[in-house]
Amino acid sequence: MTRHTVRVRRIYDRPAAEDGIRVLVDRVWPRGIRKEAAAIDEWVKDVAPSTDLRKWYGHVPEKFAQFEARYRDELANPSARTALDHLRTLAKRDALTLVTATRDVDHSQAAVLARLLREPR
């Protein structure tokens, strides 16, 4: 099957024509963004890290490797695994852009998800 491009963008960035399917992967709705203006196709909360993990991490880059390991463990939970499988299905259909409010997208759950989605299964 064809695997399309998977990219990560901030929800505050202007959508691009090459974004394809835009999916918000944060558990909490981003501040200052109206739902009508968000330009997302879906909001998949179940793939986001737990509140406890998100708060522990606090977007401290030095904790990222440990965050990624813990987050990958969380993605083995049934609801998260189902949500991740849904993202895989979307990525097979079209270009997929994982959207997050995080400032540092390279050290975010969206970056972890993008790597997972790019890996062969």
PDB file of N, CA and C in Angstrom:
ATOM      1  N   MET A   1       0.818  -1.193   0.000  1.00  0.00           N
ATOM      2  CA  MET A   1       0.000   0.000   0.000  1.00  0.00           C
ATOM      3  C   MET A   1       0.863   1.259   0.000  1.00  0.00           C
ATOM      4  N   THR A   2       0.347   2.310  -0.554  1.00  0.00           N
ATOM      5  CA  THR A   2       1.057   3.577  -0.613  1.00  0.00           C
ATOM      6  C   THR A   2       1.108   4.219   0.765  1.00  0.00           C
ATOM      7  N   ARG A   3       2.267   4.725   1.111  1.00  0.00           N
ATOM      8  CA  ARG A   3       2.413   5.475   2.353  1.00  0.00           C
ATOM      9  C   ARG A   3       2.665   6.923   1.955  1.00  0.00           C
ATOM     10  N   HIS A   4       1.808   7.800   2.399  1.00  0.00           N
ATOM     11  CA  HIS A   4       1.917   9.214   2.058  1.00  0.00           C
ATOM     12  C   HIS A   4       2.784   9.952   3.078  1.00  0.00           C
ATOM     13  N   THR A   5       3.052  11.191   2.788  1.00  0.00           N
ATOM     14  CA  THR A   5       3.848  12.044   3.657  1.00  0.00           C
ATOM     15  C   THR A   5       3.124  12.281   4.976  1.00  0.00           C
ATOM     16  N   VAL A   6       3.891  12.231   6.059  1.00  0.00           N
ATOM     17  CA  VAL A   6       3.377  12.595   7.383  1.00  0.00           C
ATOM     18  C   VAL A   6       4.229  13.754   7.872  1.00  0.00           C
ATOM     19  N   ARG A   7       3.578  14.867   8.186  1.00  0.00           N
ATOM     20  CA  ARG A   7       4.303  16.039   8.677  1.00  0.00           C
ATOM     21  C   ARG A   7       3.664  16.534   9.964  1.00  0.00           C
ATOM     22  N   VAL A   8       4.380  17.416  10.629  1.00  0.00           N
ATOM     23  CA  VAL A   8       3.924  18.011  11.888  1.00  0.00           C
ATOM     24  C   VAL A   8       3.925  19.522  11.714  1.00  0.00           C
ATOM     25  N   ARG A   9       2.843  20.143  12.168  1.00  0.00           N
ATOM     26  CA  ARG A   9       2.737  21.611  12.099  1.00  0.00           C
ATOM     27  C   ARG A   9       2.044  22.117  13.350  1.00  0.00           C
ATOM     28  N   ARG A  10       2.281  23.372  13.642  1.00  0.00           N
ATOM     29  CA  ARG A  10       1.571  24.017  14.751  1.00  0.00           C
ATOM     30  C   ARG A  10       0.194  24.464  14.265  1.00  0.00           C
ATOM     31  N   ILE A  11      -0.771  24.399  15.136  1.00  0.00           N
ATOM     32  CA  ILE A  11      -2.125  24.824  14.768  1.00  0.00           C
ATOM     33  C   ILE A  11      -2.164  26.325  14.497  1.00  0.00           C
ATOM     34  N   TYR A  12      -1.207  27.054  15.027  1.00  0.00           N
ATOM     35  CA  TYR A  12      -1.158  28.500  14.841  1.00  0.00           C
ATOM     36  C   TYR A  12      -0.550  28.896  13.499  1.00  0.00           C
ATOM     37  N   ASP A  13       0.057  27.936  12.791  1.00  0.00           N
ATOM     38  CA  ASP A  13       0.609  28.200  11.458  1.00  0.00           C
ATOM     39  C   ASP A  13      -0.509  28.155  10.422  1.00  0.00           C
ATOM     40  N   ARG A  14      -0.352  28.920   9.377  1.00  0.00           N
ATOM     41  CA  ARG A  14      -1.332  28.929   8.299  1.00  0.00           C
ATOM     42  C   ARG A  14      -1.327  27.569   7.598  1.00  0.00           C
ATOM     43  N   PRO A  15      -2.495  26.974   7.372  1.00  0.00           N
ATOM     44  CA  PRO A  15      -2.554  25.693   6.655  1.00  0.00           C
ATOM     45  C   PRO A  15      -1.951  25.826   5.257  1.00  0.00           C
ATOM     46  N   ALA A  16      -1.354  24.745   4.789  1.00  0.00           N
ATOM     47  CA  ALA A  16      -0.740  24.726   3.462  1.00  0.00           C
ATOM     48  C   ALA A  16      -1.488  23.739   2.571  1.00  0.00           C
ATOM     49  N   ALA A  17      -1.444  23.979   1.287  1.00  0.00           N
ATOM     50  CA  ALA A  17      -2.151  23.119   0.331  1.00  0.00           C
ATOM     51  C   ALA A  17      -1.671  21.677   0.427  1.00  0.00           C
ATOM     52  N   GLU A  18      -0.380  21.466   0.724  1.00  0.00           N
ATOM     53  CA  GLU A  18       0.159  20.109   0.773  1.00  0.00           C
ATOM     54  C   GLU A  18      -0.104  19.396   2.102  1.00  0.00           C
ATOM     55  N   ASP A  19      -0.818  20.025   3.022  1.00  0.00           N
ATOM     56  CA  ASP A  19      -1.085  19.406   4.324  1.00  0.00           C
ATOM     57  C   ASP A  19      -1.912  18.124   4.224  1.00  0.00           C
ATOM     58  N   GLY A  20      -2.751  18.024   3.246  1.00  0.00           N
ATOM     59  CA  GLY A  20      -3.624  16.852   3.158  1.00  0.00           C
ATOM     60  C   GLY A  20      -4.613  16.841   4.314  1.00  0.00           C
ATOM     61  N   ILE A  21      -4.732  15.712   4.974  1.00  0.00           N
ATOM     62  CA  ILE A  21      -5.649  15.569   6.107  1.00  0.00           C
ATOM     63  C   ILE A  21      -4.965  16.156   7.338  1.00  0.00           C
ATOM     64  N   ARG A  22      -5.629  17.101   7.978  1.00  0.00           N
ATOM     65  CA  ARG A  22      -5.078  17.767   9.172  1.00  0.00           C
ATOM     66  C   ARG A  22      -5.776  17.229  10.413  1.00  0.00           C
ATOM     67  N   VAL A  23      -4.968  16.670  11.334  1.00  0.00           N
ATOM     68  CA  VAL A  23      -5.524  16.046  12.538  1.00  0.00           C
ATOM     69  C   VAL A  23      -4.870  16.655  13.772  1.00  0.00           C
ATOM     70  N   LEU A  24      -5.684  17.201  14.653  1.00  0.00           N
ATOM     71  CA  LEU A  24      -5.202  17.708  15.934  1.00  0.00           C
ATOM     72  C   LEU A  24      -4.935  16.515  16.841  1.00  0.00           C
ATOM     73  N   VAL A  25      -3.716  16.444  17.413  1.00  0.00           N
ATOM     74  CA  VAL A  25      -3.331  15.300  18.243  1.00  0.00           C
ATOM     75  C   VAL A  25      -3.051  15.717  19.688  1.00  0.00           C
ATOM     76  N   ASP A  26      -3.605  16.823  20.123  1.00  0.00           N
ATOM     77  CA  ASP A  26      -3.498  17.281  21.509  1.00  0.00           C
ATOM     78  C   ASP A  26      -4.734  16.837  22.283  1.00  0.00           C
ATOM     79  N   ARG A  27      -4.573  16.598  23.573  1.00  0.00           N
ATOM     80  CA  ARG A  27      -5.703  16.213  24.416  1.00  0.00           C
ATOM     81  C   ARG A  27      -6.574  17.422  24.762  1.00  0.00           C
ATOM     82  N   VAL A  28      -5.940  18.595  24.840  1.00  0.00           N
ATOM     83  CA  VAL A  28      -6.632  19.826  25.233  1.00  0.00           C
ATOM     84  C   VAL A  28      -6.715  20.743  24.014  1.00  0.00           C
ATOM     85  N   TRP A  29      -7.883  21.388  23.849  1.00  0.00           N
ATOM     86  CA  TRP A  29      -8.051  22.300  22.722  1.00  0.00           C
ATOM     87  C   TRP A  29      -7.096  23.481  22.864  1.00  0.00           C
ATOM     88  N   PRO A  30      -6.421  23.888  21.770  1.00  0.00           N
ATOM     89  CA  PRO A  30      -5.442  24.986  21.823  1.00  0.00           C
ATOM     90  C   PRO A  30      -6.082  26.335  22.167  1.00  0.00           C
ATOM     91  N   ARG A  31      -5.365  27.084  22.976  1.00  0.00           N
ATOM     92  CA  ARG A  31      -5.849  28.408  23.379  1.00  0.00           C
ATOM     93  C   ARG A  31      -5.886  29.359  22.186  1.00  0.00           C
ATOM     94  N   GLY A  32      -6.918  30.177  22.175  1.00  0.00           N
ATOM     95  CA  GLY A  32      -6.999  31.243  21.185  1.00  0.00           C
ATOM     96  C   GLY A  32      -7.408  30.818  19.792  1.00  0.00           C
ATOM     97  N   ILE A  33      -7.800  29.560  19.626  1.00  0.00           N
ATOM     98  CA  ILE A  33      -8.213  29.067  18.306  1.00  0.00           C
ATOM     99  C   ILE A  33      -9.689  28.700  18.357  1.00  0.00           C
ATOM    100  N   ARG A  34     -10.469  29.333  17.498  1.00  0.00           N
ATOM    101  CA  ARG A  34     -11.883  28.968  17.394  1.00  0.00           C
ATOM    102  C   ARG A  34     -11.999  27.682  16.589  1.00  0.00           C
ATOM    103  N   LYS A  35     -12.907  26.833  16.979  1.00  0.00           N
ATOM    104  CA  LYS A  35     -13.056  25.550  16.288  1.00  0.00           C
ATOM    105  C   LYS A  35     -13.359  25.740  14.809  1.00  0.00           C
ATOM    106  N   GLU A  36     -14.122  26.763  14.468  1.00  0.00           N
ATOM    107  CA  GLU A  36     -14.460  27.012  13.066  1.00  0.00           C
ATOM    108  C   GLU A  36     -13.229  27.430  12.268  1.00  0.00           C
ATOM    109  N   ALA A  37     -12.269  28.065  12.917  1.00  0.00           N
ATOM    110  CA  ALA A  37     -11.092  28.588  12.227  1.00  0.00           C
ATOM    111  C   ALA A  37      -9.878  27.654  12.312  1.00  0.00           C
ATOM    112  N   ALA A  38     -10.027  26.518  12.945  1.00  0.00           N
ATOM    113  CA  ALA A  38      -8.881  25.636  13.211  1.00  0.00           C
ATOM    114  C   ALA A  38      -8.333  24.951  11.961  1.00  0.00           C
ATOM    115  N   ALA A  39      -9.137  24.812  10.941  1.00  0.00           N
ATOM    116  CA  ALA A  39      -8.719  24.160   9.691  1.00  0.00           C
ATOM    117  C   ALA A  39      -8.201  22.751   9.938  1.00  0.00           C
ATOM    118  N   ILE A  40      -8.906  22.005  10.792  1.00  0.00           N
ATOM    119  CA  ILE A  40      -8.548  20.610  11.009  1.00  0.00           C
ATOM    120  C   ILE A  40      -9.691  19.732  10.509  1.00  0.00           C
ATOM    121  N   ASP A  41      -9.332  18.531  10.101  1.00  0.00           N
ATOM    122  CA  ASP A  41     -10.336  17.587   9.635  1.00  0.00           C
ATOM    123  C   ASP A  41     -10.843  16.697  10.774  1.00  0.00           C
ATOM    124  N   GLU A  42      -9.956  16.425  11.737  1.00  0.00           N
ATOM    125  CA  GLU A  42     -10.328  15.591  12.879  1.00  0.00           C
ATOM    126  C   GLU A  42      -9.537  16.030  14.104  1.00  0.00           C
ATOM    127  N   TRP A  43     -10.088  15.674  15.258  1.00  0.00           N
ATOM    128  CA  TRP A  43      -9.402  15.859  16.531  1.00  0.00           C
ATOM    129  C   TRP A  43      -9.355  14.485  17.178  1.00  0.00           C
ATOM    130  N   VAL A  44      -8.174  13.901  17.277  1.00  0.00           N
ATOM    131  CA  VAL A  44      -8.016  12.547  17.800  1.00  0.00           C
ATOM    132  C   VAL A  44      -7.352  12.644  19.178  1.00  0.00           C
ATOM    133  N   LYS A  45      -8.166  12.883  20.198  1.00  0.00           N
ATOM    134  CA  LYS A  45      -7.675  13.066  21.565  1.00  0.00           C
ATOM    135  C   LYS A  45      -7.064  11.795  22.144  1.00  0.00           C
ATOM    136  N   ASP A  46      -7.601  10.642  21.762  1.00  0.00           N
ATOM    137  CA  ASP A  46      -7.172   9.395  22.385  1.00  0.00           C
ATOM    138  C   ASP A  46      -5.734   9.015  22.060  1.00  0.00           C
ATOM    139  N   VAL A  47      -5.119   9.668  21.085  1.00  0.00           N
ATOM    140  CA  VAL A  47      -3.736   9.374  20.748  1.00  0.00           C
ATOM    141  C   VAL A  47      -2.767  10.292  21.520  1.00  0.00           C
ATOM    142  N   ALA A  48      -3.299  11.263  22.218  1.00  0.00           N
ATOM    143  CA  ALA A  48      -2.467  12.208  22.970  1.00  0.00           C
ATOM    144  C   ALA A  48      -1.947  11.559  24.256  1.00  0.00           C
ATOM    145  N   PRO A  49      -0.820  12.055  24.762  1.00  0.00           N
ATOM    146  CA  PRO A  49      -0.317  11.529  26.034  1.00  0.00           C
ATOM    147  C   PRO A  49      -1.294  11.824  27.170  1.00  0.00           C
ATOM    148  N   SER A  50      -1.231  11.003  28.190  1.00  0.00           N
ATOM    149  CA  SER A  50      -2.087  11.219  29.359  1.00  0.00           C
ATOM    150  C   SER A  50      -1.761  12.572  29.994  1.00  0.00           C
ATOM    151  N   THR A  51      -2.697  13.082  30.747  1.00  0.00           N
ATOM    152  CA  THR A  51      -2.480  14.348  31.445  1.00  0.00           C
ATOM    153  C   THR A  51      -1.291  14.236  32.395  1.00  0.00           C
ATOM    154  N   ASP A  52      -1.178  13.120  33.111  1.00  0.00           N
ATOM    155  CA  ASP A  52      -0.055  12.937  34.041  1.00  0.00           C
ATOM    156  C   ASP A  52       1.281  12.976  33.301  1.00  0.00           C
ATOM    157  N   LEU A  53       1.373  12.282  32.175  1.00  0.00           N
ATOM    158  CA  LEU A  53       2.624  12.263  31.416  1.00  0.00           C
ATOM    159  C   LEU A  53       2.924  13.650  30.852  1.00  0.00           C
ATOM    160  N   ARG A  54       1.921  14.292  30.327  1.00  0.00           N
ATOM    161  CA  ARG A  54       2.106  15.633  29.754  1.00  0.00           C
ATOM    162  C   ARG A  54       2.609  16.610  30.820  1.00  0.00           C
ATOM    163  N   LYS A  55       2.011  16.556  32.009  1.00  0.00           N
ATOM    164  CA  LYS A  55       2.435  17.459  33.080  1.00  0.00           C
ATOM    165  C   LYS A  55       3.836  17.116  33.574  1.00  0.00           C
ATOM    166  N   TRP A  56       4.159  15.822  33.687  1.00  0.00           N
ATOM    167  CA  TRP A  56       5.498  15.420  34.107  1.00  0.00           C
ATOM    168  C   TRP A  56       6.542  15.946  33.115  1.00  0.00           C
ATOM    169  N   TYR A  57       6.271  15.790  31.833  1.00  0.00           N
ATOM    170  CA  TYR A  57       7.213  16.196  30.793  1.00  0.00           C
ATOM    171  C   TYR A  57       7.409  17.711  30.788  1.00  0.00           C
ATOM    172  N   GLY A  58       6.320  18.463  30.784  1.00  0.00           N
ATOM    173  CA  GLY A  58       6.401  19.916  30.808  1.00  0.00           C
ATOM    174  C   GLY A  58       7.159  20.523  29.641  1.00  0.00           C
ATOM    175  N   HIS A  59       7.330  19.760  28.566  1.00  0.00           N
ATOM    176  CA  HIS A  59       8.041  20.205  27.362  1.00  0.00           C
ATOM    177  C   HIS A  59       9.473  20.637  27.653  1.00  0.00           C
ATOM    178  N   VAL A  60      10.104  19.915  28.585  1.00  0.00           N
ATOM    179  CA  VAL A  60      11.517  20.131  28.907  1.00  0.00           C
ATOM    180  C   VAL A  60      12.327  19.232  27.968  1.00  0.00           C
ATOM    181  N   PRO A  61      13.058  19.808  27.014  1.00  0.00           N
ATOM    182  CA  PRO A  61      13.753  18.990  26.015  1.00  0.00           C
ATOM    183  C   PRO A  61      14.665  17.908  26.602  1.00  0.00           C
ATOM    184  N   GLU A  62      15.263  18.171  27.752  1.00  0.00           N
ATOM    185  CA  GLU A  62      16.148  17.181  28.374  1.00  0.00           C
ATOM    186  C   GLU A  62      15.403  15.927  28.812  1.00  0.00           C
ATOM    187  N   LYS A  63      14.098  16.007  28.966  1.00  0.00           N
ATOM    188  CA  LYS A  63      13.290  14.851  29.356  1.00  0.00           C
ATOM    189  C   LYS A  63      12.687  14.126  28.147  1.00  0.00           C
ATOM    190  N   PHE A  64      12.993  14.620  26.945  1.00  0.00           N
ATOM    191  CA  PHE A  64      12.275  14.118  25.775  1.00  0.00           C
ATOM    192  C   PHE A  64      12.460  12.623  25.534  1.00  0.00           C
ATOM    193  N   ALA A  65      13.666  12.112  25.660  1.00  0.00           N
ATOM    194  CA  ALA A  65      13.904  10.680  25.411  1.00  0.00           C
ATOM    195  C   ALA A  65      13.073   9.831  26.371  1.00  0.00           C
ATOM    196  N   GLN A  66      13.045  10.218  27.629  1.00  0.00           N
ATOM    197  CA  GLN A  66      12.242   9.477  28.605  1.00  0.00           C
ATOM    198  C   GLN A  66      10.749   9.667  28.331  1.00  0.00           C
ATOM    199  N   PHE A  67      10.360  10.874  27.951  1.00  0.00           N
ATOM    200  CA  PHE A  67       8.964  11.128  27.575  1.00  0.00           C
ATOM    201  C   PHE A  67       8.554  10.224  26.424  1.00  0.00           C
ATOM    202  N   GLU A  68       9.405  10.153  25.391  1.00  0.00           N
ATOM    203  CA  GLU A  68       9.068   9.336  24.226  1.00  0.00           C
ATOM    204  C   GLU A  68       8.880   7.875  24.619  1.00  0.00           C
ATOM    205  N   ALA A  69       9.760   7.348  25.456  1.00  0.00           N
ATOM    206  CA  ALA A  69       9.640   5.948  25.891  1.00  0.00           C
ATOM    207  C   ALA A  69       8.344   5.723  26.659  1.00  0.00           C
ATOM    208  N   ARG A  70       8.031   6.620  27.575  1.00  0.00           N
ATOM    209  CA  ARG A  70       6.784   6.491  28.349  1.00  0.00           C
ATOM    210  C   ARG A  70       5.556   6.644  27.452  1.00  0.00           C
ATOM    211  N   TYR A  71       5.640   7.576  26.524  1.00  0.00           N
ATOM    212  CA  TYR A  71       4.521   7.820  25.612  1.00  0.00           C
ATOM    213  C   TYR A  71       4.282   6.605  24.715  1.00  0.00           C
ATOM    214  N   ARG A  72       5.348   6.024  24.196  1.00  0.00           N
ATOM    215  CA  ARG A  72       5.195   4.818  23.373  1.00  0.00           C
ATOM    216  C   ARG A  72       4.544   3.694  24.187  1.00  0.00           C
ATOM    217  N   ASP A  73       4.875   3.593  25.471  1.00  0.00           N
ATOM    218  CA  ASP A  73       4.212   2.609  26.335  1.00  0.00           C
ATOM    219  C   ASP A  73       2.716   2.906  26.433  1.00  0.00           C
ATOM    220  N   GLU A  74       2.371   4.179  26.602  1.00  0.00           N
ATOM    221  CA  GLU A  74       0.956   4.554  26.671  1.00  0.00           C
ATOM    222  C   GLU A  74       0.216   4.233  25.380  1.00  0.00           C
ATOM    223  N   LEU A  75       0.900   4.336  24.258  1.00  0.00           N
ATOM    224  CA  LEU A  75       0.252   4.067  22.972  1.00  0.00           C
ATOM    225  C   LEU A  75      -0.112   2.596  22.790  1.00  0.00           C
ATOM    226  N   ALA A  76       0.339   1.744  23.692  1.00  0.00           N
ATOM    227  CA  ALA A  76      -0.037   0.329  23.652  1.00  0.00           C
ATOM    228  C   ALA A  76      -1.396   0.086  24.304  1.00  0.00           C
ATOM    229  N   ASN A  77      -1.920   1.087  25.023  1.00  0.00           N
ATOM    230  CA  ASN A  77      -3.251   0.949  25.629  1.00  0.00           C
ATOM    231  C   ASN A  77      -4.307   0.852  24.530  1.00  0.00           C
ATOM    232  N   PRO A  78      -5.376   0.097  24.767  1.00  0.00           N
ATOM    233  CA  PRO A  78      -6.363  -0.151  23.696  1.00  0.00           C
ATOM    234  C   PRO A  78      -6.914   1.098  22.995  1.00  0.00           C
ATOM    235  N   SER A  79      -7.340   2.098  23.745  1.00  0.00           N
ATOM    236  CA  SER A  79      -7.938   3.272  23.074  1.00  0.00           C
ATOM    237  C   SER A  79      -6.886   4.045  22.285  1.00  0.00           C
ATOM    238  N   ALA A  80      -5.667   4.147  22.822  1.00  0.00           N
ATOM    239  CA  ALA A  80      -4.602   4.835  22.109  1.00  0.00           C
ATOM    240  C   ALA A  80      -4.177   4.042  20.880  1.00  0.00           C
ATOM    241  N   ARG A  81      -4.111   2.729  21.007  1.00  0.00           N
ATOM    242  CA  ARG A  81      -3.723   1.884  19.872  1.00  0.00           C
ATOM    243  C   ARG A  81      -4.749   1.999  18.747  1.00  0.00           C
ATOM    244  N   THR A  82      -6.028   2.033  19.096  1.00  0.00           N
ATOM    245  CA  THR A  82      -7.086   2.205  18.097  1.00  0.00           C
ATOM    246  C   THR A  82      -6.943   3.558  17.401  1.00  0.00           C
ATOM    247  N   ALA A  83      -6.670   4.602  18.175  1.00  0.00           N
ATOM    248  CA  ALA A  83      -6.497   5.944  17.593  1.00  0.00           C
ATOM    249  C   ALA A  83      -5.270   5.985  16.689  1.00  0.00           C
ATOM    250  N   LEU A  84      -4.173   5.345  17.098  1.00  0.00           N
ATOM    251  CA  LEU A  84      -2.965   5.302  16.277  1.00  0.00           C
ATOM    252  C   LEU A  84      -3.222   4.532  14.982  1.00  0.00           C
ATOM    253  N   ASP A  85      -3.950   3.435  15.069  1.00  0.00           N
ATOM    254  CA  ASP A  85      -4.311   2.678  13.862  1.00  0.00           C
ATOM    255  C   ASP A  85      -5.152   3.536  12.911  1.00  0.00           C
ATOM    256  N   HIS A  86      -6.027   4.357  13.477  1.00  0.00           N
ATOM    257  CA  HIS A  86      -6.830   5.271  12.656  1.00  0.00           C
ATOM    258  C   HIS A  86      -5.922   6.251  11.911  1.00  0.00           C
ATOM    259  N   LEU A  87      -4.920   6.781  12.604  1.00  0.00           N
ATOM    260  CA  LEU A  87      -3.976   7.689  11.949  1.00  0.00           C
ATOM    261  C   LEU A  87      -3.213   6.967  10.842  1.00  0.00           C
ATOM    262  N   ARG A  88      -2.859   5.712  11.071  1.00  0.00           N
ATOM    263  CA  ARG A  88      -2.175   4.930  10.029  1.00  0.00           C
ATOM    264  C   ARG A  88      -3.064   4.793   8.786  1.00  0.00           C
ATOM    265  N   THR A  89      -4.341   4.562   9.017  1.00  0.00           N
ATOM    266  CA  THR A  89      -5.287   4.449   7.906  1.00  0.00           C
ATOM    267  C   THR A  89      -5.351   5.758   7.133  1.00  0.00           C
ATOM    268  N   LEU A  90      -5.415   6.880   7.845  1.00  0.00           N
ATOM    269  CA  LEU A  90      -5.459   8.184   7.189  1.00  0.00           C
ATOM    270  C   LEU A  90      -4.188   8.431   6.385  1.00  0.00           C
ATOM    271  N   ALA A  91      -3.036   8.028   6.935  1.00  0.00           N
ATOM    272  CA  ALA A  91      -1.754   8.237   6.249  1.00  0.00           C
ATOM    273  C   ALA A  91      -1.649   7.411   4.975  1.00  0.00           C
ATOM    274  N   LYS A  92      -2.365   6.311   4.916  1.00  0.00           N
ATOM    275  CA  LYS A  92      -2.365   5.494   3.702  1.00  0.00           C
ATOM    276  C   LYS A  92      -3.252   6.117   2.625  1.00  0.00           C
ATOM    277  N   ARG A  93      -4.208   6.926   3.055  1.00  0.00           N
ATOM    278  CA  ARG A  93      -5.177   7.522   2.139  1.00  0.00           C
ATOM    279  C   ARG A  93      -4.681   8.801   1.477  1.00  0.00           C
ATOM    280  N   ASP A  94      -3.914   9.609   2.246  1.00  0.00           N
ATOM    281  CA  ASP A  94      -3.513  10.935   1.748  1.00  0.00           C
ATOM    282  C   ASP A  94      -2.349  11.438   2.601  1.00  0.00           C
ATOM    283  N   ALA A  95      -1.788  12.568   2.209  1.00  0.00           N
ATOM    284  CA  ALA A  95      -0.802  13.223   3.070  1.00  0.00           C
ATOM    285  C   ALA A  95      -1.488  13.496   4.407  1.00  0.00           C
ATOM    286  N   LEU A  96      -0.734  13.386   5.484  1.00  0.00           N
ATOM    287  CA  LEU A  96      -1.291  13.563   6.826  1.00  0.00           C
ATOM    288  C   LEU A  96      -0.454  14.584   7.560  1.00  0.00           C
ATOM    289  N   THR A  97      -1.117  15.582   8.120  1.00  0.00           N
ATOM    290  CA  THR A  97      -0.440  16.580   8.935  1.00  0.00           C
ATOM    291  C   THR A  97      -0.971  16.471  10.351  1.00  0.00           C
ATOM    292  N   LEU A  98      -0.051  16.170  11.272  1.00  0.00           N
ATOM    293  CA  LEU A  98      -0.390  16.111  12.691  1.00  0.00           C
ATOM    294  C   LEU A  98      -0.238  17.518  13.242  1.00  0.00           C
ATOM    295  N   VAL A  99      -1.305  18.023  13.812  1.00  0.00           N
ATOM    296  CA  VAL A  99      -1.351  19.413  14.253  1.00  0.00           C
ATOM    297  C   VAL A  99      -1.312  19.448  15.776  1.00  0.00           C
ATOM    298  N   THR A 100      -0.498  20.351  16.297  1.00  0.00           N
ATOM    299  CA  THR A 100      -0.345  20.506  17.739  1.00  0.00           C
ATOM    300  C   THR A 100      -0.183  21.974  18.092  1.00  0.00           C
ATOM    301  N   ALA A 101      -0.485  22.314  19.329  1.00  0.00           N
ATOM    302  CA  ALA A 101      -0.280  23.685  19.795  1.00  0.00           C
ATOM    303  C   ALA A 101       1.119  23.874  20.369  1.00  0.00           C
ATOM    304  N   THR A 102       1.844  22.802  20.541  1.00  0.00           N
ATOM    305  CA  THR A 102       3.173  22.840  21.138  1.00  0.00           C
ATOM    306  C   THR A 102       4.108  23.756  20.363  1.00  0.00           C
ATOM    307  N   ARG A 103       4.876  24.561  21.082  1.00  0.00           N
ATOM    308  CA  ARG A 103       5.824  25.469  20.420  1.00  0.00           C
ATOM    309  C   ARG A 103       6.973  24.710  19.774  1.00  0.00           C
ATOM    310  N   ASP A 104       7.518  23.737  20.491  1.00  0.00           N
ATOM    311  CA  ASP A 104       8.681  22.986  20.019  1.00  0.00           C
ATOM    312  C   ASP A 104       8.191  21.661  19.433  1.00  0.00           C
ATOM    313  N   VAL A 105       7.808  21.688  18.175  1.00  0.00           N
ATOM    314  CA  VAL A 105       7.216  20.484  17.568  1.00  0.00           C
ATOM    315  C   VAL A 105       8.206  19.331  17.472  1.00  0.00           C
ATOM    316  N   ASP A 106       9.504  19.626  17.443  1.00  0.00           N
ATOM    317  CA  ASP A 106      10.499  18.553  17.363  1.00  0.00           C
ATOM    318  C   ASP A 106      10.585  17.745  18.656  1.00  0.00           C
ATOM    319  N   HIS A 107      10.120  18.313  19.759  1.00  0.00           N
ATOM    320  CA  HIS A 107      10.121  17.633  21.052  1.00  0.00           C
ATOM    321  C   HIS A 107       8.687  17.491  21.562  1.00  0.00           C
ATOM    322  N   SER A 108       7.822  17.019  20.693  1.00  0.00           N
ATOM    323  CA  SER A 108       6.400  16.915  21.034  1.00  0.00           C
ATOM    324  C   SER A 108       5.871  15.511  20.775  1.00  0.00           C
ATOM    325  N   GLN A 109       4.683  15.252  21.277  1.00  0.00           N
ATOM    326  CA  GLN A 109       4.037  13.968  20.991  1.00  0.00           C
ATOM    327  C   GLN A 109       3.761  13.830  19.506  1.00  0.00           C
ATOM    328  N   ALA A 110       3.515  14.941  18.820  1.00  0.00           N
ATOM    329  CA  ALA A 110       3.257  14.884  17.381  1.00  0.00           C
ATOM    330  C   ALA A 110       4.491  14.374  16.635  1.00  0.00           C
ATOM    331  N   ALA A 111       5.684  14.768  17.075  1.00  0.00           N
ATOM    332  CA  ALA A 111       6.915  14.279  16.446  1.00  0.00           C
ATOM    333  C   ALA A 111       7.070  12.775  16.675  1.00  0.00           C
ATOM    334  N   VAL A 112       6.745  12.312  17.871  1.00  0.00           N
ATOM    335  CA  VAL A 112       6.810  10.879  18.172  1.00  0.00           C
ATOM    336  C   VAL A 112       5.830  10.124  17.280  1.00  0.00           C
ATOM    337  N   LEU A 113       4.613  10.641  17.177  1.00  0.00           N
ATOM    338  CA  LEU A 113       3.598   9.999  16.338  1.00  0.00           C
ATOM    339  C   LEU A 113       4.029   9.965  14.877  1.00  0.00           C
ATOM    340  N   ALA A 114       4.580  11.064  14.390  1.00  0.00           N
ATOM    341  CA  ALA A 114       5.016  11.114  12.987  1.00  0.00           C
ATOM    342  C   ALA A 114       6.071  10.043  12.724  1.00  0.00           C
ATOM    343  N   ARG A 115       7.027   9.883  13.647  1.00  0.00           N
ATOM    344  CA  ARG A 115       8.044   8.835  13.484  1.00  0.00           C
ATOM    345  C   ARG A 115       7.407   7.458  13.460  1.00  0.00           C
ATOM    346  N   LEU A 116       6.462   7.220  14.358  1.00  0.00           N
ATOM    347  CA  LEU A 116       5.784   5.933  14.393  1.00  0.00           C
ATOM    348  C   LEU A 116       5.027   5.655  13.094  1.00  0.00           C
ATOM    349  N   LEU A 117       4.376   6.677  12.581  1.00  0.00           N
ATOM    350  CA  LEU A 117       3.589   6.512  11.361  1.00  0.00           C
ATOM    351  C   LEU A 117       4.471   6.316  10.123  1.00  0.00           C
ATOM    352  N   ARG A 118       5.681   6.811  10.184  1.00  0.00           N
ATOM    353  CA  ARG A 118       6.611   6.647   9.056  1.00  0.00           C
ATOM    354  C   ARG A 118       7.298   5.294   9.066  1.00  0.00           C
ATOM    355  N   GLU A 119       7.315   4.636  10.228  1.00  0.00           N
ATOM    356  CA  GLU A 119       7.976   3.331  10.345  1.00  0.00           C
ATOM    357  C   GLU A 119       7.166   2.272   9.610  1.00  0.00           C
ATOM    358  N   PRO A 120       7.862   1.365   8.926  1.00  0.00           N
ATOM    359  CA  PRO A 120       7.134   0.250   8.310  1.00  0.00           C
ATOM    360  C   PRO A 120       6.546  -0.639   9.399  1.00  0.00           C
ATOM    361  N   ARG A 121       5.403  -1.200   9.111  1.00  0.00           N
ATOM    362  CA  ARG A 121       4.752  -2.073  10.107  1.00  0.00           C
ATOM    363  C   ARG A 121       5.050  -3.504   9.860  1.00  0.00           C
TER     364      ARG A 121
END
